[in-house]
Each structure stands twice: as C-alpha cells, then as structure tokens.
Amino acid sequence: MITIGILVIISLHMLSTGVKPDGRASRPSLLLMEVLRPFQALESALTYGASGLVHDYFDLVGVREQNVELRKQLAELQSERARLVELQVENRHLADLLELKEALGTSAVAANVIGSDATGLSRSLVLGEGSGDELRRDMAVVSTEGVVGRLIAVSSSVSRVLLIDDHNSALDAFDQRSRARGIIAGVVDDGLTMKYVDRSEDIKPGDTIVTSGMDGVFPRGLLVGQVARVSQEGPGLFLNVEVKAAVDFRRLEQVLILTQKPVESAPDRKG
C-alpha cells in the first residue's frame, strides 16, 4: 500500500510539473521508470509465462495423441508379425508332413488338431477333417515324430483319434534290434507298455520299437518309441517292458491320416 501511495504521488507530481527538456524535469520521470521497471518486468514475465504454459499444454496434448497412435500402430505390427510367424511354423509343419507322405509312398490327408477328449474317459484328439475328406474309422494317424493312433469316430467335418497311450489301444510292434514282437498298449496311469514279450527275449532299455505292419492298420517300420525299462517281476511268462512314446501327444498341432490300408507284412523271422 505504501508503494502504491508513493507511485501515485510521483505521478501527480509529474502531471503538475509537466515534461520539460531540462534534466530537472526529466529526473522524476527517470526515477518513476526505475521504480516501475521491476513491476513491468514481472508483468511481462507473467504474461510470457502464461502464454508459454498454454503453448506447452497444447504441445503435450499433441504429443500424447501421437503416442497413443504410435502405440496402436506398434500393437498392430506386433500382431501381424506374430501371425506371419505362426503361418511360417504351420507351413513348415505341413511341409514336413508332405515329406513324410512322400516317404511312405501312400495316399494321406493332413489334418489340424482342434481339440482333445474333454471327459477324461479316453486319451484322444479331435481333428478338423472328416468323411468329407475321405476319412473313415480305423485309419492310421501319424506325425513326423512317429505313430499317433487310429481313427475311432468320423463325422462329415471332424474325427476323433484314439491315441496309442490309451489303455484301450493296441498295435503290433517289434524291437528293431532283437526282432522281439509284442503288442503296444497304453497304461491306465500314463505311458506305454509292450505286452506279451517272452521272458527269453533279448530286449533292453534304449531299443527302438517300430510297427510290424501285421495289424492291418499301420504300415511296417513306423517309429513307436524306445524301451525305457525292462523287468522280470513275478512268475509270469512275459517280460514287463515299459516304452517311452516317440510322440509328445500334448504338443501335436498337425497330423497325417493314412487313407490307404497297408499291405499286411509277413511275420518277422529270426536268423
């Protein structure tokens, strides 16, 4: 309040004296200018600052909108890249199945795995192809890793595969090294067993088990798995042979259905 009063008095004095060309008249004017200078500087700074804040605000709004748009574009690019990578993987799997088909020299249909048994009553998979693709019951299903199972149900557009590790499954197979034969079946808990292998047979852990071609479903020589454990527990006539499946059934995405029945092979004879 005191400052304002001083400024008012100085202003009235200048009005009463007027502006004269000599130094005495200009001295109060210069004094007033010096007194007002900090206030004018402050006002200018405040005005510029307010203008700058408004400017910066709109700049930030623009940057934020650009960031939102860039993030959207980045998400779209990442999604497209993931889709392209997945297509490459699928194409590679299908190319491997085509090579397998050519190696087997038989007619076959590639199919996508679209589901599994939801009831838990059996170990099975659902395929996205059916009778419209010339599929029918008891056709062999394989993958690039080995034997998968056989078709047990077929509709017009889907079909169900009973996996070889289901306890109701059975396929004729033999030990590639010793030529010992047996029946591969699933175990209730998990895994595979080779039934009806005579106790006198020379079968060892690490041996490769392949299909014999004598069951009328699977061609001869398809990989089933490897012997994991052999024991002679109990008084029975047969060995207890545990087999590790070549195929990881939980990771299957595509399979090959053999639409042509194999020619039954003659029994394998030893030396």
Protein backbone atom coordinates (compact mmCIF):
# COMPACT_ATOMS: atom_id res chain seq x y z
CA MET A 1 0.00 0.00 0.00
CA ILE A 2 2.89 2.37 0.83
CA THR A 3 4.48 1.62 -2.55
CA ILE A 4 1.25 2.36 -4.37
CA GLY A 5 0.90 5.64 -2.49
CA ILE A 6 4.43 6.69 -3.44
CA LEU A 7 3.76 5.86 -7.07
CA VAL A 8 0.54 7.90 -7.05
CA ILE A 9 2.34 10.95 -5.51
CA ILE A 10 5.14 10.74 -8.07
CA SER A 11 2.62 10.51 -10.90
CA LEU A 12 0.69 13.59 -9.63
CA HIS A 13 3.94 15.49 -9.32
CA MET A 14 4.83 14.72 -12.91
CA LEU A 15 1.43 15.82 -14.10
CA SER A 16 1.74 19.11 -12.25
CA THR A 17 5.26 19.89 -13.45
CA GLY A 18 4.90 18.54 -17.00
CA VAL A 19 7.68 17.17 -19.08
CA LYS A 20 10.46 19.72 -19.59
CA PRO A 21 13.54 19.36 -21.68
CA ASP A 22 15.98 20.17 -18.90
CA GLY A 23 17.45 17.49 -16.62
CA ARG A 24 15.49 18.57 -13.52
CA ALA A 25 12.15 17.90 -15.18
CA SER A 26 13.21 14.55 -16.61
CA ARG A 27 14.71 13.36 -13.32
CA PRO A 28 11.34 12.42 -11.71
CA SER A 29 10.34 10.64 -14.92
CA LEU A 30 13.51 8.60 -14.90
CA LEU A 31 13.00 7.85 -11.25
CA LEU A 32 9.48 6.62 -11.96
CA MET A 33 10.76 4.43 -14.78
CA GLU A 34 13.31 2.87 -12.45
CA VAL A 35 10.67 2.31 -9.78
CA LEU A 36 8.23 0.74 -12.23
CA ARG A 37 10.85 -1.35 -14.03
CA PRO A 38 10.66 -4.42 -11.69
CA PHE A 39 6.87 -4.39 -11.84
CA GLN A 40 6.87 -4.15 -15.64
CA ALA A 41 9.45 -6.90 -15.88
CA LEU A 42 7.34 -9.08 -13.59
CA GLU A 43 4.18 -8.41 -15.60
CA SER A 44 5.99 -9.23 -18.83
CA ALA A 45 7.38 -12.43 -17.34
CA LEU A 46 3.97 -13.47 -16.05
CA THR A 47 2.35 -12.74 -19.40
CA TYR A 48 5.04 -14.66 -21.29
CA GLY A 49 4.93 -17.49 -18.78
CA ALA A 50 1.16 -17.84 -19.05
CA SER A 51 1.41 -17.82 -22.82
CA GLY A 52 4.21 -20.39 -22.66
CA LEU A 53 2.20 -22.66 -20.35
CA VAL A 54 -0.76 -22.62 -22.70
CA HIS A 55 1.55 -23.34 -25.61
CA ASP A 56 3.24 -26.19 -23.75
CA TYR A 57 -0.12 -27.65 -22.73
CA PHE A 58 -1.30 -27.91 -26.30
CA ASP A 59 2.08 -29.33 -27.32
CA LEU A 60 1.78 -32.02 -24.63
CA VAL A 61 -1.76 -32.85 -25.75
CA GLY A 62 -0.47 -33.27 -29.30
CA VAL A 63 2.43 -35.47 -28.16
CA ARG A 64 0.08 -37.63 -26.11
CA GLU A 65 -2.21 -38.17 -29.08
CA GLN A 66 0.80 -39.07 -31.22
CA ASN A 67 1.97 -41.58 -28.57
CA VAL A 68 -1.47 -43.20 -28.49
CA GLU A 69 -1.44 -43.53 -32.28
CA LEU A 70 2.12 -44.89 -32.33
CA ARG A 71 1.28 -47.46 -29.66
CA LYS A 72 -1.75 -48.56 -31.68
CA GLN A 73 0.38 -48.94 -34.81
CA LEU A 74 3.03 -50.85 -32.84
CA ALA A 75 0.41 -53.26 -31.45
CA GLU A 76 -0.93 -53.86 -34.96
CA LEU A 77 2.58 -54.52 -36.28
CA GLN A 78 3.34 -56.94 -33.44
CA SER A 79 0.06 -58.76 -34.06
CA GLU A 80 0.79 -59.02 -37.77
CA ARG A 81 4.32 -60.25 -37.08
CA ALA A 82 3.01 -62.94 -34.71
CA ARG A 83 0.50 -64.06 -37.35
CA LEU A 84 3.21 -64.28 -40.01
CA VAL A 85 5.50 -66.26 -37.69
CA GLU A 86 2.64 -68.67 -36.92
CA LEU A 87 1.94 -69.11 -40.63
CA GLN A 88 5.61 -69.90 -41.21
CA VAL A 89 5.55 -72.52 -38.44
CA GLU A 90 2.38 -74.12 -39.83
CA ASN A 91 3.79 -74.15 -43.34
CA ARG A 92 6.95 -75.81 -42.07
CA HIS A 93 4.92 -78.48 -40.25
CA LEU A 94 2.82 -79.11 -43.35
CA ALA A 95 5.97 -79.35 -45.49
CA ASP A 96 7.37 -81.96 -43.06
CA LEU A 97 4.10 -83.93 -43.28
CA LEU A 98 4.27 -83.79 -47.08
CA GLU A 99 7.81 -85.19 -46.97
CA LEU A 100 6.56 -87.97 -44.67
CA LYS A 101 3.71 -88.75 -47.05
CA GLU A 102 6.14 -89.00 -49.96
CA ALA A 103 8.50 -91.19 -47.92
CA LEU A 104 5.66 -93.57 -47.01
CA GLY A 105 4.52 -93.70 -50.64
CA THR A 106 0.85 -93.84 -49.74
CA SER A 107 -2.22 -91.64 -50.04
CA ALA A 108 -2.79 -89.46 -46.98
CA VAL A 109 -4.63 -86.39 -45.70
CA ALA A 110 -3.12 -83.72 -43.44
CA ALA A 111 -5.32 -82.59 -40.56
CA ASN A 112 -5.21 -79.98 -37.81
CA VAL A 113 -5.66 -80.95 -34.17
CA ILE A 114 -8.58 -78.85 -32.90
CA GLY A 115 -9.25 -80.42 -29.50
CA SER A 116 -8.85 -83.29 -27.08
CA ASP A 117 -11.12 -85.51 -25.03
CA ALA A 118 -12.99 -83.21 -22.64
CA THR A 119 -14.44 -86.01 -20.48
CA GLY A 120 -11.14 -87.56 -19.45
CA LEU A 121 -12.56 -91.03 -20.19
CA SER A 122 -10.08 -91.68 -23.00
CA ARG A 123 -6.87 -90.32 -24.41
CA SER A 124 -7.94 -88.95 -27.75
CA LEU A 125 -7.69 -85.94 -30.04
CA VAL A 126 -10.23 -84.20 -32.27
CA LEU A 127 -9.23 -83.40 -35.85
CA GLY A 128 -10.68 -80.74 -38.14
CA GLU A 129 -11.26 -83.15 -41.05
CA GLY A 130 -13.86 -85.88 -41.53
CA SER A 131 -15.67 -88.09 -44.00
CA GLY A 132 -15.87 -85.16 -46.41
CA ASP A 133 -12.10 -85.53 -46.71
CA GLU A 134 -12.41 -89.30 -47.38
CA LEU A 135 -11.60 -90.28 -43.81
CA ARG A 136 -13.11 -93.33 -42.14
CA ARG A 137 -12.75 -95.41 -38.98
CA ASP A 138 -9.57 -97.37 -38.23
CA MET A 139 -7.33 -95.29 -40.45
CA ALA A 140 -3.80 -94.84 -39.11
CA VAL A 141 -2.78 -91.43 -37.78
CA VAL A 142 0.91 -90.49 -37.68
CA SER A 143 3.12 -87.45 -37.27
CA THR A 144 6.66 -86.60 -38.27
CA GLU A 145 7.78 -87.92 -34.85
CA GLY A 146 6.05 -91.29 -35.07
CA VAL A 147 2.80 -93.18 -34.55
CA VAL A 148 -0.11 -91.21 -33.05
CA GLY A 149 -3.14 -93.52 -33.09
CA ARG A 150 -6.14 -94.56 -35.19
CA LEU A 151 -9.49 -93.02 -36.06
CA ILE A 152 -12.35 -94.30 -33.92
CA ALA A 153 -15.12 -91.87 -34.90
CA VAL A 154 -15.70 -89.86 -38.08
CA SER A 155 -18.37 -87.30 -38.93
CA SER A 156 -18.70 -85.14 -42.02
CA SER A 157 -16.23 -82.49 -40.86
CA VAL A 158 -14.46 -83.76 -37.72
CA SER A 159 -12.97 -87.02 -36.49
CA ARG A 160 -11.57 -88.49 -33.28
CA VAL A 161 -8.22 -90.24 -32.82
CA LEU A 162 -7.64 -92.83 -30.11
CA LEU A 163 -4.03 -92.29 -29.04
CA ILE A 164 -1.69 -95.25 -28.67
CA ASP A 165 -1.20 -94.40 -24.98
CA ASP A 166 -4.88 -95.09 -24.24
CA HIS A 167 -5.39 -98.36 -22.35
CA ASN A 168 -7.91 -99.50 -24.99
CA SER A 169 -5.39 -99.08 -27.79
CA ALA A 170 -3.31 -101.93 -29.25
CA LEU A 171 -0.87 -102.17 -32.14
CA ASP A 172 1.52 -104.86 -33.27
CA ALA A 173 5.19 -103.86 -32.98
CA PHE A 174 8.68 -105.28 -32.63
CA ASP A 175 12.12 -104.46 -31.23
CA GLN A 176 14.23 -103.29 -34.16
CA ARG A 177 17.43 -104.75 -32.71
CA SER A 178 16.36 -108.11 -31.30
CA ARG A 179 13.23 -108.52 -33.51
CA ALA A 180 11.20 -109.43 -30.41
CA ARG A 181 7.49 -108.85 -31.04
CA GLY A 182 4.73 -107.66 -28.77
CA ILE A 183 1.58 -105.55 -28.52
CA ILE A 184 1.90 -101.87 -27.66
CA ALA A 185 -0.86 -100.58 -25.38
CA GLY A 186 -1.46 -97.62 -23.13
CA VAL A 187 -1.14 -97.76 -19.36
CA VAL A 188 -4.00 -96.50 -17.19
CA ASP A 189 -1.72 -94.17 -15.24
CA ASP A 190 0.43 -92.96 -18.12
CA GLY A 191 2.85 -94.18 -20.77
CA LEU A 192 3.12 -97.30 -22.93
CA THR A 193 3.78 -100.96 -22.31
CA MET A 194 4.80 -103.75 -24.67
CA LYS A 195 2.72 -106.80 -23.84
CA TYR A 196 3.34 -110.49 -24.47
CA VAL A 197 7.11 -110.30 -24.85
CA ASP A 198 8.51 -113.73 -23.92
CA ARG A 199 10.88 -113.79 -20.93
CA SER A 200 13.55 -115.38 -23.11
CA GLU A 201 13.67 -112.41 -25.50
CA ASP A 202 16.73 -110.13 -25.59
CA ILE A 203 15.16 -106.73 -25.20
CA LYS A 204 16.98 -103.85 -23.50
CA PRO A 205 16.40 -100.21 -22.47
CA GLY A 206 17.18 -97.87 -25.35
CA ASP A 207 15.99 -100.33 -28.02
CA THR A 208 13.82 -98.83 -30.77
CA ILE A 209 10.27 -100.11 -31.17
CA VAL A 210 8.58 -99.89 -34.59
CA THR A 211 5.30 -101.08 -36.08
CA SER A 212 5.27 -104.58 -37.57
CA GLY A 213 2.58 -103.90 -40.20
CA MET A 214 0.70 -107.04 -39.13
CA ASP A 215 -2.32 -105.39 -37.51
CA GLY A 216 -3.82 -104.15 -40.79
CA VAL A 217 -3.79 -100.53 -39.59
CA PHE A 218 -0.20 -99.25 -39.51
CA PRO A 219 2.43 -99.78 -42.21
CA ARG A 220 5.57 -101.60 -41.21
CA GLY A 221 8.54 -99.68 -39.80
CA LEU A 222 6.86 -96.60 -38.27
CA LEU A 223 8.52 -95.36 -35.09
CA VAL A 224 6.59 -96.10 -31.90
CA GLY A 225 9.16 -95.23 -29.24
CA GLN A 226 12.06 -96.51 -27.21
CA VAL A 227 12.29 -99.12 -24.46
CA ALA A 228 12.53 -97.28 -21.15
CA ARG A 229 12.62 -100.18 -18.66
CA VAL A 230 12.61 -103.99 -18.69
CA SER A 231 11.89 -106.22 -15.69
CA GLN A 232 11.07 -109.85 -14.95
CA GLU A 233 8.97 -109.36 -11.85
CA GLY A 234 6.57 -112.13 -10.89
CA PRO A 235 6.19 -115.70 -12.10
CA GLY A 236 4.56 -114.82 -15.42
CA LEU A 237 5.68 -115.93 -18.86
CA PHE A 238 6.30 -112.42 -20.18
CA LEU A 239 8.64 -109.52 -19.58
CA ASN A 240 7.43 -106.19 -18.21
CA VAL A 241 8.50 -103.74 -20.91
CA GLU A 242 7.92 -100.01 -20.49
CA VAL A 243 8.12 -97.90 -23.65
CA LYS A 244 8.53 -94.14 -23.99
CA ALA A 245 6.42 -92.86 -26.89
CA ALA A 246 8.27 -91.03 -29.68
CA VAL A 247 5.42 -88.52 -29.97
CA ASP A 248 4.58 -85.87 -27.39
CA PHE A 249 0.79 -86.08 -27.80
CA ARG A 250 0.17 -82.88 -25.82
CA ARG A 251 2.11 -80.78 -28.32
CA LEU A 252 0.59 -82.12 -31.54
CA GLU A 253 -0.80 -79.50 -33.92
CA GLN A 254 -0.91 -81.29 -37.28
CA VAL A 255 -1.08 -84.98 -38.14
CA LEU A 256 -1.23 -87.19 -41.22
CA ILE A 257 -4.05 -89.70 -41.76
CA LEU A 258 -3.11 -92.62 -43.98
CA THR A 259 -6.14 -93.18 -46.21
CA GLN A 260 -4.77 -96.31 -47.82
CA LYS A 261 -4.70 -99.60 -45.95
CA PRO A 262 -1.20 -101.11 -45.64
CA VAL A 263 -0.31 -104.42 -47.24
CA GLU A 264 -0.05 -106.92 -44.38
CA SER A 265 3.54 -107.93 -43.77
CA ALA A 266 4.73 -111.46 -43.29
CA PRO A 267 5.78 -112.43 -39.74
CA ASP A 268 9.34 -111.42 -38.94
CA ARG A 269 11.64 -114.42 -38.75
CA LYS A 270 14.85 -114.54 -36.77
CA GLY A 271 18.17 -115.68 -38.28
